[in-house]
Amino acid sequence: MLSAWGDESGSVPVKDPDTYIMSAAMIDDADLAHIRSRLMDERMDGESKVHWYQSNDSRRLYLTQLLQSFPFLGVTVVHHETGASDRRHRRKCLETLLPLLEHYGCGSVTLESRGGQDQSDLHILQDFRSRRTVRGPLRLQHALGRDEPALWIADTLCGAVTQHRIGNTKYLTPLLGMLDIVEI
């Protein structure tokens, strides 16, 4: 069975304002333990998780190349809307992302926890079910980034897409065959 692991990011406000990016990595459950183990080995001393934002250029390149060795399929949704709140951006991304994950056969999606805001995602999923945007038994849960290495793939995808949007294509190029990007 496929599971999805998701994270989000705002783009670079000065170069790509009003843009919100949400990525998910779809991973077969049989491959998950190996991927988690391999990612845990990539943490640097003092690092609780592998994180794009805190990485330098050479580490970012390494991370994108590392992802090429993993069996996963990624999907990224980019929402651009002038003046939209983060809540609206997130809702619009989830409105596209969750049905796509369901279409690909994912039984569950785990998003990086945002603490007290996690409940809002669950309400969004319930609303999508009532409107039949999501029709199946897709489960949604949250996990802390430091506790779930599979989330680090989505973080890297968000970072690579963000860099691509501001003109730095070298990070995304190695991932293009593994990633679908949907702009809304």
N, C-alpha and C. Protein backbone atom coordinates (compact mmCIF):
# COMPACT_ATOMS: atom_id res chain seq x y z
N MET A 1 0.84 -1.18 0.00
CA MET A 1 0.00 0.00 0.00
C MET A 1 0.88 1.24 0.00
N LEU A 2 0.42 2.28 -0.65
CA LEU A 2 1.13 3.55 -0.67
C LEU A 2 0.69 4.44 0.48
N SER A 3 1.66 5.10 1.06
CA SER A 3 1.41 6.14 2.05
C SER A 3 2.05 7.41 1.54
N ALA A 4 1.48 8.54 1.90
CA ALA A 4 2.03 9.83 1.49
C ALA A 4 2.53 10.59 2.71
N TRP A 5 3.59 11.34 2.48
CA TRP A 5 4.25 12.10 3.55
C TRP A 5 4.41 13.53 3.05
N GLY A 6 3.78 14.50 3.73
CA GLY A 6 3.70 15.84 3.18
C GLY A 6 4.23 16.95 4.07
N ASP A 7 4.64 18.02 3.40
CA ASP A 7 5.12 19.22 4.07
C ASP A 7 4.77 20.42 3.19
N GLU A 8 4.87 21.60 3.76
CA GLU A 8 4.54 22.81 3.02
C GLU A 8 5.59 23.87 3.27
N SER A 9 5.56 24.89 2.42
CA SER A 9 6.50 25.99 2.55
C SER A 9 5.93 27.20 1.83
N GLY A 10 6.23 28.36 2.35
CA GLY A 10 6.00 29.57 1.59
C GLY A 10 7.18 29.71 0.64
N SER A 11 6.98 30.40 -0.45
CA SER A 11 8.09 30.64 -1.36
C SER A 11 8.92 31.81 -0.82
N VAL A 12 9.83 32.33 -1.61
CA VAL A 12 10.66 33.46 -1.21
C VAL A 12 9.85 34.73 -1.42
N PRO A 13 9.44 35.40 -0.34
CA PRO A 13 8.49 36.51 -0.46
C PRO A 13 8.92 37.63 -1.41
N VAL A 14 10.19 37.96 -1.44
CA VAL A 14 10.64 39.07 -2.28
C VAL A 14 10.62 38.69 -3.76
N LYS A 15 11.00 37.45 -4.07
CA LYS A 15 11.11 37.02 -5.47
C LYS A 15 9.87 36.28 -5.98
N ASP A 16 9.09 35.72 -5.10
CA ASP A 16 7.92 34.93 -5.51
C ASP A 16 6.81 35.13 -4.48
N PRO A 17 6.31 36.37 -4.38
CA PRO A 17 5.32 36.67 -3.33
C PRO A 17 4.00 35.95 -3.53
N ASP A 18 3.29 35.80 -2.43
CA ASP A 18 1.93 35.24 -2.45
C ASP A 18 1.87 33.82 -2.99
N THR A 19 2.93 33.05 -2.76
CA THR A 19 3.01 31.68 -3.26
C THR A 19 3.22 30.72 -2.10
N TYR A 20 2.49 29.64 -2.13
CA TYR A 20 2.52 28.60 -1.10
C TYR A 20 2.72 27.27 -1.81
N ILE A 21 3.54 26.44 -1.26
CA ILE A 21 3.91 25.18 -1.90
C ILE A 21 3.68 24.03 -0.93
N MET A 22 3.01 22.99 -1.40
CA MET A 22 2.80 21.80 -0.60
C MET A 22 3.22 20.58 -1.41
N SER A 23 4.08 19.76 -0.81
CA SER A 23 4.58 18.56 -1.50
C SER A 23 4.26 17.32 -0.69
N ALA A 24 4.16 16.22 -1.41
CA ALA A 24 3.98 14.92 -0.77
C ALA A 24 4.82 13.89 -1.51
N ALA A 25 5.41 12.99 -0.74
CA ALA A 25 6.15 11.86 -1.30
C ALA A 25 5.32 10.61 -1.06
N MET A 26 4.98 9.92 -2.15
CA MET A 26 4.22 8.67 -2.05
C MET A 26 5.20 7.52 -2.02
N ILE A 27 5.13 6.73 -0.96
CA ILE A 27 6.10 5.66 -0.73
C ILE A 27 5.35 4.37 -0.45
N ASP A 28 5.78 3.30 -1.10
CA ASP A 28 5.21 1.99 -0.80
C ASP A 28 5.62 1.61 0.62
N ASP A 29 4.68 1.12 1.39
CA ASP A 29 4.96 0.77 2.79
C ASP A 29 6.13 -0.21 2.93
N ALA A 30 6.34 -1.06 1.92
CA ALA A 30 7.44 -2.03 1.98
C ALA A 30 8.81 -1.35 1.90
N ASP A 31 8.87 -0.14 1.37
CA ASP A 31 10.14 0.60 1.23
C ASP A 31 10.38 1.59 2.35
N LEU A 32 9.39 1.80 3.18
CA LEU A 32 9.44 2.88 4.17
C LEU A 32 10.56 2.72 5.20
N ALA A 33 10.75 1.54 5.75
CA ALA A 33 11.77 1.34 6.78
C ALA A 33 13.17 1.65 6.25
N HIS A 34 13.46 1.20 5.04
CA HIS A 34 14.77 1.47 4.45
C HIS A 34 14.98 2.98 4.24
N ILE A 35 13.97 3.64 3.70
CA ILE A 35 14.08 5.08 3.45
C ILE A 35 14.26 5.84 4.76
N ARG A 36 13.47 5.51 5.76
CA ARG A 36 13.60 6.17 7.06
C ARG A 36 15.01 6.00 7.62
N SER A 37 15.51 4.78 7.57
CA SER A 37 16.84 4.49 8.11
C SER A 37 17.91 5.29 7.37
N ARG A 38 17.81 5.31 6.07
CA ARG A 38 18.80 6.02 5.25
C ARG A 38 18.76 7.52 5.54
N LEU A 39 17.57 8.08 5.70
CA LEU A 39 17.46 9.50 6.01
C LEU A 39 17.97 9.83 7.41
N MET A 40 17.70 8.96 8.36
CA MET A 40 18.20 9.18 9.72
C MET A 40 19.73 9.26 9.72
N ASP A 41 20.35 8.47 8.87
CA ASP A 41 21.81 8.49 8.77
C ASP A 41 22.34 9.80 8.19
N GLU A 42 21.48 10.56 7.56
CA GLU A 42 21.90 11.81 6.92
C GLU A 42 21.87 13.02 7.85
N ARG A 43 21.35 12.85 9.04
CA ARG A 43 21.35 13.98 9.97
C ARG A 43 22.78 14.34 10.35
N MET A 44 23.05 15.63 10.39
CA MET A 44 24.36 16.09 10.81
C MET A 44 24.37 16.23 12.34
N ASP A 45 25.55 16.29 12.92
CA ASP A 45 25.67 16.44 14.37
C ASP A 45 24.82 17.62 14.86
N GLY A 46 24.02 17.35 15.87
CA GLY A 46 23.18 18.38 16.46
C GLY A 46 21.89 18.66 15.70
N GLU A 47 21.67 17.98 14.60
CA GLU A 47 20.49 18.19 13.79
C GLU A 47 19.40 17.21 14.21
N SER A 48 18.20 17.72 14.53
CA SER A 48 17.11 16.83 14.90
C SER A 48 16.42 16.25 13.68
N LYS A 49 16.56 16.93 12.54
CA LYS A 49 15.97 16.46 11.30
C LYS A 49 16.77 17.05 10.14
N VAL A 50 16.64 16.42 9.00
CA VAL A 50 17.21 16.98 7.78
C VAL A 50 16.25 18.08 7.33
N HIS A 51 16.76 19.29 7.17
CA HIS A 51 15.90 20.43 6.86
C HIS A 51 16.50 21.27 5.76
N TRP A 52 15.75 21.48 4.70
CA TRP A 52 16.21 22.24 3.53
C TRP A 52 16.67 23.64 3.90
N TYR A 53 15.84 24.34 4.65
CA TYR A 53 16.10 25.75 4.94
C TYR A 53 17.45 25.96 5.61
N GLN A 54 17.83 25.04 6.47
CA GLN A 54 19.08 25.18 7.22
C GLN A 54 20.29 24.61 6.48
N SER A 55 20.08 24.09 5.29
CA SER A 55 21.17 23.47 4.54
C SER A 55 21.85 24.47 3.61
N ASN A 56 23.15 24.25 3.41
CA ASN A 56 23.87 25.10 2.46
C ASN A 56 23.74 24.51 1.05
N ASP A 57 24.32 25.18 0.08
CA ASP A 57 24.18 24.80 -1.32
C ASP A 57 24.63 23.37 -1.59
N SER A 58 25.80 23.00 -1.10
CA SER A 58 26.30 21.65 -1.41
C SER A 58 25.45 20.57 -0.74
N ARG A 59 24.95 20.84 0.44
CA ARG A 59 24.07 19.87 1.11
C ARG A 59 22.74 19.74 0.36
N ARG A 60 22.22 20.85 -0.11
CA ARG A 60 20.97 20.81 -0.88
C ARG A 60 21.15 19.98 -2.15
N LEU A 61 22.25 20.17 -2.82
CA LEU A 61 22.52 19.36 -4.02
C LEU A 61 22.62 17.88 -3.65
N TYR A 62 23.31 17.61 -2.56
CA TYR A 62 23.44 16.22 -2.12
C TYR A 62 22.07 15.62 -1.80
N LEU A 63 21.24 16.37 -1.11
CA LEU A 63 19.92 15.85 -0.74
C LEU A 63 19.07 15.55 -1.97
N THR A 64 19.10 16.41 -2.97
CA THR A 64 18.30 16.15 -4.17
C THR A 64 18.84 14.93 -4.92
N GLN A 65 20.15 14.75 -4.90
CA GLN A 65 20.73 13.57 -5.55
C GLN A 65 20.41 12.31 -4.75
N LEU A 66 20.41 12.41 -3.42
CA LEU A 66 20.06 11.27 -2.57
C LEU A 66 18.63 10.81 -2.86
N LEU A 67 17.72 11.75 -3.01
CA LEU A 67 16.33 11.39 -3.26
C LEU A 67 16.16 10.56 -4.53
N GLN A 68 17.05 10.77 -5.49
CA GLN A 68 16.98 9.99 -6.73
C GLN A 68 17.14 8.50 -6.48
N SER A 69 17.78 8.14 -5.38
CA SER A 69 18.00 6.72 -5.09
C SER A 69 16.83 6.07 -4.36
N PHE A 70 15.83 6.86 -4.00
CA PHE A 70 14.68 6.34 -3.25
C PHE A 70 13.52 6.01 -4.20
N PRO A 71 12.82 4.91 -3.92
CA PRO A 71 11.63 4.59 -4.72
C PRO A 71 10.41 5.35 -4.18
N PHE A 72 10.13 6.48 -4.78
CA PHE A 72 8.96 7.26 -4.40
C PHE A 72 8.49 8.06 -5.60
N LEU A 73 7.28 8.53 -5.52
CA LEU A 73 6.75 9.46 -6.51
C LEU A 73 6.30 10.70 -5.74
N GLY A 74 6.70 11.85 -6.20
CA GLY A 74 6.35 13.09 -5.53
C GLY A 74 5.31 13.87 -6.31
N VAL A 75 4.54 14.63 -5.58
CA VAL A 75 3.59 15.56 -6.19
C VAL A 75 3.68 16.86 -5.39
N THR A 76 3.75 17.95 -6.12
CA THR A 76 3.81 19.27 -5.49
C THR A 76 2.70 20.14 -6.06
N VAL A 77 2.01 20.82 -5.17
CA VAL A 77 0.97 21.75 -5.56
C VAL A 77 1.45 23.15 -5.19
N VAL A 78 1.41 24.04 -6.17
CA VAL A 78 1.82 25.43 -5.97
C VAL A 78 0.58 26.31 -6.11
N HIS A 79 0.29 27.05 -5.07
CA HIS A 79 -0.85 27.97 -5.10
C HIS A 79 -0.33 29.39 -5.03
N HIS A 80 -0.75 30.18 -5.99
CA HIS A 80 -0.36 31.59 -6.03
C HIS A 80 -1.64 32.42 -6.07
N GLU A 81 -1.79 33.27 -5.07
CA GLU A 81 -2.96 34.14 -5.02
C GLU A 81 -2.59 35.38 -4.22
N THR A 82 -2.70 36.52 -4.84
CA THR A 82 -2.36 37.78 -4.18
C THR A 82 -3.24 37.98 -2.96
N GLY A 83 -2.59 38.23 -1.84
CA GLY A 83 -3.30 38.56 -0.61
C GLY A 83 -3.91 37.39 0.14
N ALA A 84 -3.73 36.18 -0.34
CA ALA A 84 -4.32 35.02 0.35
C ALA A 84 -3.62 34.78 1.68
N SER A 85 -4.39 34.38 2.66
CA SER A 85 -3.82 34.00 3.95
C SER A 85 -3.18 32.62 3.82
N ASP A 86 -2.29 32.29 4.77
CA ASP A 86 -1.71 30.94 4.77
C ASP A 86 -2.80 29.88 4.85
N ARG A 87 -3.84 30.15 5.62
CA ARG A 87 -4.93 29.18 5.75
C ARG A 87 -5.60 28.93 4.40
N ARG A 88 -5.85 30.00 3.64
CA ARG A 88 -6.47 29.83 2.32
C ARG A 88 -5.52 29.10 1.37
N HIS A 89 -4.24 29.49 1.37
CA HIS A 89 -3.26 28.80 0.54
C HIS A 89 -3.27 27.30 0.85
N ARG A 90 -3.22 26.99 2.12
CA ARG A 90 -3.15 25.58 2.54
C ARG A 90 -4.41 24.83 2.09
N ARG A 91 -5.56 25.43 2.31
CA ARG A 91 -6.81 24.78 1.92
C ARG A 91 -6.84 24.51 0.42
N LYS A 92 -6.43 25.49 -0.38
CA LYS A 92 -6.44 25.32 -1.83
C LYS A 92 -5.45 24.21 -2.25
N CYS A 93 -4.29 24.17 -1.62
CA CYS A 93 -3.33 23.11 -1.93
C CYS A 93 -3.89 21.75 -1.56
N LEU A 94 -4.49 21.64 -0.38
CA LEU A 94 -5.06 20.36 0.05
C LEU A 94 -6.22 19.94 -0.85
N GLU A 95 -6.98 20.91 -1.35
CA GLU A 95 -8.10 20.61 -2.23
C GLU A 95 -7.64 19.93 -3.53
N THR A 96 -6.44 20.21 -3.94
CA THR A 96 -5.86 19.56 -5.12
C THR A 96 -5.08 18.31 -4.72
N LEU A 97 -4.29 18.43 -3.66
CA LEU A 97 -3.37 17.35 -3.27
C LEU A 97 -4.09 16.09 -2.79
N LEU A 98 -5.05 16.23 -1.90
CA LEU A 98 -5.69 15.04 -1.32
C LEU A 98 -6.39 14.17 -2.36
N PRO A 99 -7.18 14.73 -3.29
CA PRO A 99 -7.76 13.87 -4.32
C PRO A 99 -6.69 13.21 -5.21
N LEU A 100 -5.59 13.92 -5.49
CA LEU A 100 -4.51 13.31 -6.27
C LEU A 100 -3.91 12.11 -5.55
N LEU A 101 -3.66 12.27 -4.26
CA LEU A 101 -3.09 11.16 -3.48
C LEU A 101 -4.04 9.98 -3.46
N GLU A 102 -5.32 10.28 -3.31
CA GLU A 102 -6.33 9.22 -3.34
C GLU A 102 -6.33 8.53 -4.71
N HIS A 103 -6.25 9.32 -5.77
CA HIS A 103 -6.22 8.77 -7.14
C HIS A 103 -5.03 7.84 -7.34
N TYR A 104 -3.89 8.19 -6.79
CA TYR A 104 -2.69 7.35 -6.91
C TYR A 104 -2.75 6.10 -6.04
N GLY A 105 -3.74 6.00 -5.17
CA GLY A 105 -3.91 4.80 -4.35
C GLY A 105 -3.34 4.89 -2.95
N CYS A 106 -3.10 6.09 -2.47
CA CYS A 106 -2.59 6.24 -1.10
C CYS A 106 -3.71 5.97 -0.11
N GLY A 107 -3.40 5.19 0.91
CA GLY A 107 -4.36 4.92 1.96
C GLY A 107 -4.30 5.91 3.09
N SER A 108 -3.14 6.57 3.22
CA SER A 108 -2.98 7.55 4.28
C SER A 108 -2.01 8.64 3.85
N VAL A 109 -2.19 9.78 4.46
CA VAL A 109 -1.25 10.89 4.28
C VAL A 109 -0.91 11.43 5.66
N THR A 110 0.39 11.61 5.87
CA THR A 110 0.89 12.19 7.12
C THR A 110 1.52 13.52 6.77
N LEU A 111 1.02 14.59 7.39
CA LEU A 111 1.57 15.92 7.18
C LEU A 111 2.40 16.31 8.39
N GLU A 112 3.40 17.15 8.14
CA GLU A 112 4.18 17.63 9.27
C GLU A 112 3.28 18.45 10.18
N SER A 113 3.37 18.19 11.46
CA SER A 113 2.52 18.85 12.44
C SER A 113 2.82 20.33 12.52
N ARG A 114 1.74 21.10 12.65
CA ARG A 114 1.83 22.53 12.90
C ARG A 114 1.16 22.84 14.23
N GLY A 115 1.22 21.86 15.14
CA GLY A 115 0.68 22.05 16.48
C GLY A 115 -0.82 22.23 16.50
N GLY A 116 -1.26 23.32 17.09
CA GLY A 116 -2.68 23.59 17.24
C GLY A 116 -3.45 23.76 15.94
N GLN A 117 -2.74 23.93 14.83
CA GLN A 117 -3.42 24.12 13.55
C GLN A 117 -3.75 22.79 12.87
N ASP A 118 -3.27 21.69 13.40
CA ASP A 118 -3.50 20.38 12.77
C ASP A 118 -4.99 20.05 12.65
N GLN A 119 -5.75 20.44 13.64
CA GLN A 119 -7.18 20.13 13.63
C GLN A 119 -7.87 20.73 12.41
N SER A 120 -7.38 21.88 11.96
CA SER A 120 -7.96 22.53 10.79
C SER A 120 -7.85 21.64 9.55
N ASP A 121 -6.72 20.93 9.40
CA ASP A 121 -6.55 20.02 8.26
C ASP A 121 -7.59 18.91 8.29
N LEU A 122 -7.87 18.39 9.48
CA LEU A 122 -8.86 17.32 9.63
C LEU A 122 -10.26 17.82 9.27
N HIS A 123 -10.55 19.06 9.66
CA HIS A 123 -11.84 19.66 9.29
C HIS A 123 -11.93 19.84 7.78
N ILE A 124 -10.82 20.24 7.17
CA ILE A 124 -10.79 20.42 5.71
C ILE A 124 -11.09 19.08 5.02
N LEU A 125 -10.45 17.99 5.49
CA LEU A 125 -10.69 16.68 4.91
C LEU A 125 -12.16 16.29 5.06
N GLN A 126 -12.73 16.53 6.22
CA GLN A 126 -14.16 16.21 6.43
C GLN A 126 -15.03 17.01 5.47
N ASP A 127 -14.70 18.27 5.27
CA ASP A 127 -15.45 19.09 4.33
C ASP A 127 -15.33 18.54 2.91
N PHE A 128 -14.12 18.13 2.53
CA PHE A 128 -13.92 17.55 1.19
C PHE A 128 -14.72 16.26 1.03
N ARG A 129 -14.81 15.47 2.09
CA ARG A 129 -15.62 14.25 2.02
C ARG A 129 -17.09 14.58 1.83
N SER A 130 -17.57 15.57 2.56
CA SER A 130 -18.98 15.91 2.44
C SER A 130 -19.29 16.49 1.06
N ARG A 131 -18.33 17.15 0.43
CA ARG A 131 -18.52 17.68 -0.93
C ARG A 131 -18.10 16.67 -1.99
N ARG A 132 -17.64 15.50 -1.55
CA ARG A 132 -17.21 14.39 -2.43
C ARG A 132 -15.99 14.75 -3.28
N THR A 133 -15.17 15.70 -2.79
CA THR A 133 -13.88 15.99 -3.40
C THR A 133 -12.95 14.82 -3.12
N VAL A 134 -13.05 14.28 -1.92
CA VAL A 134 -12.37 13.04 -1.52
C VAL A 134 -13.46 12.03 -1.28
N ARG A 135 -13.37 10.89 -1.95
CA ARG A 135 -14.48 9.92 -1.92
C ARG A 135 -14.17 8.67 -1.11
N GLY A 136 -12.90 8.35 -0.97
CA GLY A 136 -12.54 7.09 -0.33
C GLY A 136 -12.13 7.23 1.12
N PRO A 137 -11.52 6.18 1.65
CA PRO A 137 -11.18 6.14 3.08
C PRO A 137 -9.80 6.72 3.41
N LEU A 138 -9.33 7.69 2.61
CA LEU A 138 -8.02 8.29 2.87
C LEU A 138 -7.95 8.80 4.31
N ARG A 139 -6.90 8.37 5.02
CA ARG A 139 -6.68 8.81 6.40
C ARG A 139 -5.67 9.94 6.42
N LEU A 140 -5.86 10.89 7.32
CA LEU A 140 -4.96 12.02 7.47
C LEU A 140 -4.52 12.09 8.92
N GLN A 141 -3.20 12.16 9.09
CA GLN A 141 -2.65 12.35 10.42
C GLN A 141 -1.47 13.30 10.33
N HIS A 142 -0.92 13.64 11.48
CA HIS A 142 0.19 14.58 11.56
C HIS A 142 1.31 13.96 12.40
N ALA A 143 2.53 14.35 12.12
CA ALA A 143 3.68 13.90 12.89
C ALA A 143 4.68 15.04 13.00
N LEU A 144 5.44 15.03 14.05
CA LEU A 144 6.50 16.02 14.21
C LEU A 144 7.61 15.73 13.22
N GLY A 145 8.14 16.75 12.61
CA GLY A 145 9.20 16.58 11.63
C GLY A 145 10.41 15.86 12.18
N ARG A 146 10.77 16.13 13.40
CA ARG A 146 11.96 15.49 13.98
C ARG A 146 11.74 14.00 14.23
N ASP A 147 10.48 13.57 14.28
CA ASP A 147 10.17 12.17 14.58
C ASP A 147 9.88 11.32 13.34
N GLU A 148 9.71 11.96 12.18
CA GLU A 148 9.32 11.20 10.99
C GLU A 148 10.19 11.57 9.79
N PRO A 149 11.23 10.78 9.54
CA PRO A 149 12.13 11.07 8.42
C PRO A 149 11.47 11.11 7.05
N ALA A 150 10.39 10.38 6.84
CA ALA A 150 9.75 10.40 5.52
C ALA A 150 9.25 11.81 5.17
N LEU A 151 8.96 12.62 6.18
CA LEU A 151 8.53 13.99 5.93
C LEU A 151 9.66 14.84 5.32
N TRP A 152 10.88 14.43 5.55
CA TRP A 152 12.03 15.21 5.07
C TRP A 152 12.13 15.18 3.55
N ILE A 153 11.56 14.15 2.94
CA ILE A 153 11.54 14.11 1.47
C ILE A 153 10.66 15.25 0.96
N ALA A 154 9.48 15.40 1.53
CA ALA A 154 8.57 16.47 1.11
C ALA A 154 9.18 17.85 1.36
N ASP A 155 9.90 18.00 2.45
CA ASP A 155 10.57 19.26 2.75
C ASP A 155 11.59 19.59 1.65
N THR A 156 12.33 18.58 1.23
CA THR A 156 13.32 18.77 0.16
C THR A 156 12.63 19.10 -1.16
N LEU A 157 11.53 18.44 -1.46
CA LEU A 157 10.79 18.74 -2.68
C LEU A 157 10.29 20.19 -2.67
N CYS A 158 9.75 20.63 -1.56
CA CYS A 158 9.29 22.02 -1.45
C CYS A 158 10.45 22.98 -1.69
N GLY A 159 11.59 22.69 -1.09
CA GLY A 159 12.75 23.56 -1.26
C GLY A 159 13.23 23.61 -2.69
N ALA A 160 13.29 22.45 -3.35
CA ALA A 160 13.76 22.41 -4.73
C ALA A 160 12.80 23.15 -5.66
N VAL A 161 11.50 23.00 -5.44
CA VAL A 161 10.52 23.71 -6.26
C VAL A 161 10.61 25.21 -6.00
N THR A 162 10.75 25.61 -4.76
CA THR A 162 10.90 27.03 -4.43
C THR A 162 12.09 27.62 -5.16
N GLN A 163 13.22 26.94 -5.10
CA GLN A 163 14.43 27.44 -5.78
C GLN A 163 14.22 27.52 -7.29
N HIS A 164 13.54 26.55 -7.84
CA HIS A 164 13.24 26.56 -9.27
C HIS A 164 12.40 27.78 -9.64
N ARG A 165 11.44 28.09 -8.80
CA ARG A 165 10.55 29.22 -9.09
C ARG A 165 11.28 30.56 -9.07
N ILE A 166 12.40 30.64 -8.37
CA ILE A 166 13.13 31.91 -8.33
C ILE A 166 14.37 31.88 -9.22
N GLY A 167 14.44 30.86 -10.09
CA GLY A 167 15.47 30.84 -11.11
C GLY A 167 16.66 29.94 -10.88
N ASN A 168 16.66 29.19 -9.79
CA ASN A 168 17.77 28.28 -9.50
C ASN A 168 17.30 26.84 -9.77
N THR A 169 17.54 26.36 -10.96
CA THR A 169 16.96 25.08 -11.40
C THR A 169 17.80 23.85 -11.02
N LYS A 170 19.00 24.04 -10.53
CA LYS A 170 19.89 22.90 -10.34
C LYS A 170 19.39 21.88 -9.32
N TYR A 171 18.57 22.29 -8.38
CA TYR A 171 18.07 21.34 -7.38
C TYR A 171 16.91 20.51 -7.92
N LEU A 172 16.06 21.12 -8.69
CA LEU A 172 14.87 20.42 -9.18
C LEU A 172 15.19 19.50 -10.35
N THR A 173 16.14 19.86 -11.15
CA THR A 173 16.46 19.09 -12.36
C THR A 173 16.64 17.60 -12.09
N PRO A 174 17.40 17.19 -11.05
CA PRO A 174 17.55 15.74 -10.83
C PRO A 174 16.27 15.02 -10.42
N LEU A 175 15.25 15.77 -10.01
CA LEU A 175 14.02 15.17 -9.48
C LEU A 175 12.86 15.19 -10.46
N LEU A 176 13.06 15.78 -11.62
CA LEU A 176 11.93 15.98 -12.54
C LEU A 176 11.22 14.71 -12.95
N GLY A 177 11.91 13.60 -13.09
CA GLY A 177 11.27 12.35 -13.47
C GLY A 177 10.50 11.68 -12.34
N MET A 178 10.64 12.23 -11.13
CA MET A 178 10.00 11.62 -9.95
C MET A 178 8.92 12.52 -9.36
N LEU A 179 8.67 13.65 -9.98
CA LEU A 179 7.84 14.67 -9.36
C LEU A 179 6.87 15.28 -10.37
N ASP A 180 5.60 15.31 -9.99
CA ASP A 180 4.59 16.03 -10.75
C ASP A 180 4.35 17.36 -10.03
N ILE A 181 4.31 18.44 -10.80
CA ILE A 181 4.06 19.76 -10.23
C ILE A 181 2.76 20.28 -10.81
N VAL A 182 1.85 20.66 -9.92
CA VAL A 182 0.55 21.19 -10.31
C VAL A 182 0.47 22.62 -9.80
N GLU A 183 0.24 23.56 -10.71
CA GLU A 183 0.08 24.96 -10.32
C GLU A 183 -1.39 25.33 -10.36
N ILE A 184 -1.85 25.92 -9.28
CA ILE A 184 -3.25 26.34 -9.20
C ILE A 184 -3.33 27.82 -8.84
